[in-house]
Protein backbone atom coordinates (compact mmCIF):
# COMPACT_ATOMS: atom_id res chain seq x y z
CA UNK A 1 53.11 128.81 117.82
CA UNK A 2 53.31 126.04 115.25
CA UNK A 3 51.68 122.70 115.67
CA UNK A 4 53.68 119.57 116.46
CA UNK A 5 54.01 117.05 113.67
CA UNK A 6 52.62 113.57 114.19
CA UNK A 7 55.16 111.14 115.65
CA UNK A 8 55.48 109.21 112.40
CA UNK A 9 56.43 112.33 110.42
CA UNK A 10 59.08 113.24 112.99
CA UNK A 11 60.46 109.69 112.94
CA UNK A 12 60.57 109.73 109.14
CA UNK A 13 62.48 113.02 109.13
CA UNK A 14 64.90 111.79 111.78
CA UNK A 15 65.40 108.49 109.98
CA UNK A 16 66.06 110.27 106.69
CA UNK A 17 68.59 112.63 108.28
CA UNK A 18 70.40 109.83 110.10
CA UNK A 19 70.67 107.80 106.90
CA UNK A 20 72.06 110.81 105.01
CA UNK A 21 74.72 111.39 107.66
CA UNK A 22 75.92 107.88 108.52
CA UNK A 23 79.18 106.53 107.16
CA UNK A 24 80.76 103.11 107.61
CA UNK A 25 83.66 102.83 110.06
CA UNK A 26 85.47 99.50 110.25
CA UNK A 27 88.50 98.12 112.04
CA UNK A 28 90.78 95.15 111.52
CA UNK A 29 91.73 95.19 115.20
CA UNK A 30 94.64 97.59 114.81
CA UNK A 31 93.54 100.21 112.31
CA UNK A 32 90.33 102.02 111.33
CA UNK A 33 89.17 102.44 107.75
CA UNK A 34 86.15 103.28 105.63
CA UNK A 35 84.32 106.45 104.63
CA UNK A 36 83.41 107.24 108.24
CA UNK A 37 87.07 107.13 109.25
CA UNK A 38 88.05 109.32 106.29
CA UNK A 39 85.46 111.94 107.30
CA UNK A 40 86.56 111.87 110.95
CA UNK A 41 90.21 112.31 109.97
CA UNK A 42 89.41 115.20 107.61
CA UNK A 43 87.29 116.95 110.26
CA UNK A 44 89.96 116.41 112.95
CA UNK A 45 92.67 117.85 110.72
CA UNK A 46 90.64 121.06 110.36
CA UNK A 47 89.94 121.32 114.11
CA UNK A 48 91.97 122.90 116.87
CA UNK A 49 90.61 120.44 119.47
CA UNK A 50 89.15 116.93 119.25
CA UNK A 51 87.29 115.19 122.08
CA UNK A 52 86.85 111.42 122.06
CA UNK A 53 84.46 109.74 124.47
CA UNK A 54 82.24 106.75 124.99
CA UNK A 55 79.10 105.92 126.91
CA UNK A 56 78.71 103.14 129.49
CA UNK A 57 75.75 101.61 131.26
CA UNK A 58 73.23 101.92 128.43
CA UNK A 59 70.97 98.96 127.76
CA UNK A 60 70.96 98.09 124.09
């Protein structure tokens, strides 16, 4: 079995991956826009099913 990486190395990898895969999503109150919205729309158009959900009760 391989050895676990130190916590810092794992955090750095996770942080790098999150930054590479985050895209801005904005709203004016009635409509979404931005690169995140464009990617979501493109992915949804290629999909047979789309599930939308939200989480509640999480302390931020």
